[in-house]
Amino acid sequence: MDKKITRVPKKHVELLTLRAKKAKVSREAFIRQAIEQKAIAYQVHQKSGETELFLMRLAFFLDRNNREWFQLFALLEPNWESILQEGGVLLDRDTENVDTH
């Protein structure tokens, strides 16, 4: 896609020309690369925001899930907190009646 940029101050054009020469590319290529970098940076920033939102939702889900498990443990075992702190199994006395297959 070709676009014409007008009304650029001469000093800015000269600056672009110098930077392009330093990068050993044409002014057109230098401007194209700068636009591409900006577009990519925007996409990366947008994806970063989406990832952050996903992680926040995941953390909320895990917190809610943990609360539900704790409520279940409280229903099944009155002293569930001490058993978890000791690293024990909550339902060890009922494992004989559980079908594991």
C-alpha atoms as a PDB file:
ATOM      1  CA  MET A   1       0.000   0.000   0.000  1.00  0.00           C
ATOM      2  CA  ASP A   2       1.408   3.363  -0.979  1.00  0.00           C
ATOM      3  CA  LYS A   3       0.732   6.479   1.059  1.00  0.00           C
ATOM      4  CA  LYS A   4       1.960   9.986   0.514  1.00  0.00           C
ATOM      5  CA  ILE A   5       2.888  11.978   3.597  1.00  0.00           C
ATOM      6  CA  THR A   6       2.755  15.747   3.166  1.00  0.00           C
ATOM      7  CA  ARG A   7       3.493  18.817   5.274  1.00  0.00           C
ATOM      8  CA  VAL A   8       6.431  17.260   7.115  1.00  0.00           C
ATOM      9  CA  PRO A   9       8.815  19.971   8.316  1.00  0.00           C
ATOM     10  CA  LYS A  10      12.127  19.996   6.442  1.00  0.00           C
ATOM     11  CA  LYS A  11      14.171  19.500   9.627  1.00  0.00           C
ATOM     12  CA  HIS A  12      12.216  16.287  10.374  1.00  0.00           C
ATOM     13  CA  VAL A  13      12.811  14.981   6.861  1.00  0.00           C
ATOM     14  CA  GLU A  14      16.524  15.714   7.249  1.00  0.00           C
ATOM     15  CA  LEU A  15      16.552  13.910  10.580  1.00  0.00           C
ATOM     16  CA  LEU A  16      14.843  10.888   9.018  1.00  0.00           C
ATOM     17  CA  THR A  17      17.369  10.938   6.196  1.00  0.00           C
ATOM     18  CA  LEU A  18      20.285  10.978   8.646  1.00  0.00           C
ATOM     19  CA  ARG A  19      18.855   8.137  10.711  1.00  0.00           C
ATOM     20  CA  ALA A  20      18.195   6.113   7.554  1.00  0.00           C
ATOM     21  CA  LYS A  21      21.773   6.632   6.379  1.00  0.00           C
ATOM     22  CA  LYS A  22      23.046   5.563   9.802  1.00  0.00           C
ATOM     23  CA  ALA A  23      20.935   2.394   9.521  1.00  0.00           C
ATOM     24  CA  LYS A  24      22.230   1.951   5.934  1.00  0.00           C
ATOM     25  CA  VAL A  25      18.747   1.850   4.406  1.00  0.00           C
ATOM     26  CA  SER A  26      16.737   4.240   2.282  1.00  0.00           C
ATOM     27  CA  ARG A  27      14.537   6.815   3.963  1.00  0.00           C
ATOM     28  CA  GLU A  28      11.486   4.975   2.623  1.00  0.00           C
ATOM     29  CA  ALA A  29      12.689   1.665   4.091  1.00  0.00           C
ATOM     30  CA  PHE A  30      13.500   3.361   7.390  1.00  0.00           C
ATOM     31  CA  ILE A  31       9.990   4.847   7.647  1.00  0.00           C
ATOM     32  CA  ARG A  32       8.415   1.514   6.634  1.00  0.00           C
ATOM     33  CA  GLN A  33      10.407  -0.320   9.336  1.00  0.00           C
ATOM     34  CA  ALA A  34       9.397   2.265  11.947  1.00  0.00           C
ATOM     35  CA  ILE A  35       5.711   1.869  11.063  1.00  0.00           C
ATOM     36  CA  GLU A  36       6.020  -1.932  11.160  1.00  0.00           C
ATOM     37  CA  GLN A  37       7.686  -1.784  14.589  1.00  0.00           C
ATOM     38  CA  LYS A  38       4.903   0.440  15.928  1.00  0.00           C
ATOM     39  CA  ALA A  39       2.238  -1.902  14.583  1.00  0.00           C
ATOM     40  CA  ILE A  40       3.950  -4.954  16.108  1.00  0.00           C
ATOM     41  CA  ALA A  41       4.447  -3.174  19.435  1.00  0.00           C
ATOM     42  CA  TYR A  42       0.730  -2.366  19.540  1.00  0.00           C
ATOM     43  CA  GLN A  43      -0.171  -6.007  18.868  1.00  0.00           C
ATOM     44  CA  VAL A  44       2.229  -7.209  21.566  1.00  0.00           C
ATOM     45  CA  HIS A  45       0.787  -4.705  24.034  1.00  0.00           C
ATOM     46  CA  GLN A  46      -2.740  -5.820  23.171  1.00  0.00           C
ATOM     47  CA  LYS A  47      -1.840  -9.508  23.630  1.00  0.00           C
ATOM     48  CA  SER A  48      -0.172  -8.656  26.924  1.00  0.00           C
ATOM     49  CA  GLY A  49      -3.408  -7.076  28.151  1.00  0.00           C
ATOM     50  CA  GLU A  50      -5.390 -10.130  27.056  1.00  0.00           C
ATOM     51  CA  THR A  51      -2.939 -12.414  28.878  1.00  0.00           C
ATOM     52  CA  GLU A  52      -3.173 -10.319  32.032  1.00  0.00           C
ATOM     53  CA  LEU A  53      -6.969 -10.477  31.918  1.00  0.00           C
ATOM     54  CA  PHE A  54      -6.849 -14.257  31.433  1.00  0.00           C
ATOM     55  CA  LEU A  55      -4.503 -14.666  34.408  1.00  0.00           C
ATOM     56  CA  MET A  56      -6.741 -12.517  36.591  1.00  0.00           C
ATOM     57  CA  ARG A  57      -9.766 -14.637  35.642  1.00  0.00           C
ATOM     58  CA  LEU A  58      -7.790 -17.817  36.293  1.00  0.00           C
ATOM     59  CA  ALA A  59      -6.698 -16.570  39.723  1.00  0.00           C
ATOM     60  CA  PHE A  60     -10.308 -15.705  40.567  1.00  0.00           C
ATOM     61  CA  PHE A  61     -11.483 -19.158  39.451  1.00  0.00           C
ATOM     62  CA  LEU A  62      -8.762 -20.919  41.467  1.00  0.00           C
ATOM     63  CA  ASP A  63      -9.572 -18.864  44.561  1.00  0.00           C
ATOM     64  CA  ARG A  64     -13.266 -19.657  44.234  1.00  0.00           C
ATOM     65  CA  ASN A  65     -12.491 -23.317  43.620  1.00  0.00           C
ATOM     66  CA  ASN A  66     -10.261 -23.441  46.712  1.00  0.00           C
ATOM     67  CA  ARG A  67     -13.009 -21.921  48.828  1.00  0.00           C
ATOM     68  CA  GLU A  68     -15.451 -24.570  47.607  1.00  0.00           C
ATOM     69  CA  TRP A  69     -12.972 -27.326  48.487  1.00  0.00           C
ATOM     70  CA  PHE A  70     -12.474 -25.875  51.964  1.00  0.00           C
ATOM     71  CA  GLN A  71     -16.246 -25.786  52.461  1.00  0.00           C
ATOM     72  CA  LEU A  72     -16.452 -29.417  51.392  1.00  0.00           C
ATOM     73  CA  PHE A  73     -13.613 -30.378  53.746  1.00  0.00           C
ATOM     74  CA  ALA A  74     -15.368 -28.563  56.578  1.00  0.00           C
ATOM     75  CA  LEU A  75     -18.521 -30.599  55.942  1.00  0.00           C
ATOM     76  CA  LEU A  76     -16.642 -33.903  55.821  1.00  0.00           C
ATOM     77  CA  GLU A  77     -14.116 -33.433  58.605  1.00  0.00           C
ATOM     78  CA  PRO A  78     -14.539 -31.124  61.617  1.00  0.00           C
ATOM     79  CA  ASN A  79     -10.774 -30.684  62.192  1.00  0.00           C
ATOM     80  CA  TRP A  80      -9.805 -30.441  58.500  1.00  0.00           C
ATOM     81  CA  GLU A  81      -7.464 -27.470  59.000  1.00  0.00           C
ATOM     82  CA  SER A  82      -5.192 -29.314  61.399  1.00  0.00           C
ATOM     83  CA  ILE A  83      -5.148 -32.398  59.152  1.00  0.00           C
ATOM     84  CA  LEU A  84      -4.107 -30.299  56.146  1.00  0.00           C
ATOM     85  CA  GLN A  85      -1.405 -28.523  58.173  1.00  0.00           C
ATOM     86  CA  GLU A  86       0.012 -31.877  59.248  1.00  0.00           C
ATOM     87  CA  GLY A  87       0.022 -33.058  55.632  1.00  0.00           C
ATOM     88  CA  GLY A  88      -2.377 -35.880  56.365  1.00  0.00           C
ATOM     89  CA  VAL A  89      -5.122 -37.367  54.268  1.00  0.00           C
ATOM     90  CA  LEU A  90      -8.564 -36.092  55.111  1.00  0.00           C
ATOM     91  CA  LEU A  91     -10.566 -39.215  54.453  1.00  0.00           C
ATOM     92  CA  ASP A  92      -8.042 -41.907  55.358  1.00  0.00           C
ATOM     93  CA  ARG A  93     -10.550 -43.739  57.544  1.00  0.00           C
ATOM     94  CA  ASP A  94     -13.034 -43.998  54.618  1.00  0.00           C
ATOM     95  CA  THR A  95     -10.619 -45.132  51.896  1.00  0.00           C
ATOM     96  CA  GLU A  96     -11.607 -48.772  52.286  1.00  0.00           C
ATOM     97  CA  ASN A  97     -15.093 -47.980  50.945  1.00  0.00           C
ATOM     98  CA  VAL A  98     -13.906 -45.946  47.938  1.00  0.00           C
ATOM     99  CA  ASP A  99     -13.652 -47.586  44.515  1.00  0.00           C
ATOM    100  CA  THR A 100     -10.485 -46.197  42.909  1.00  0.00           C
ATOM    101  CA  HIS A 101     -11.041 -47.806  39.495  1.00  0.00           C
END
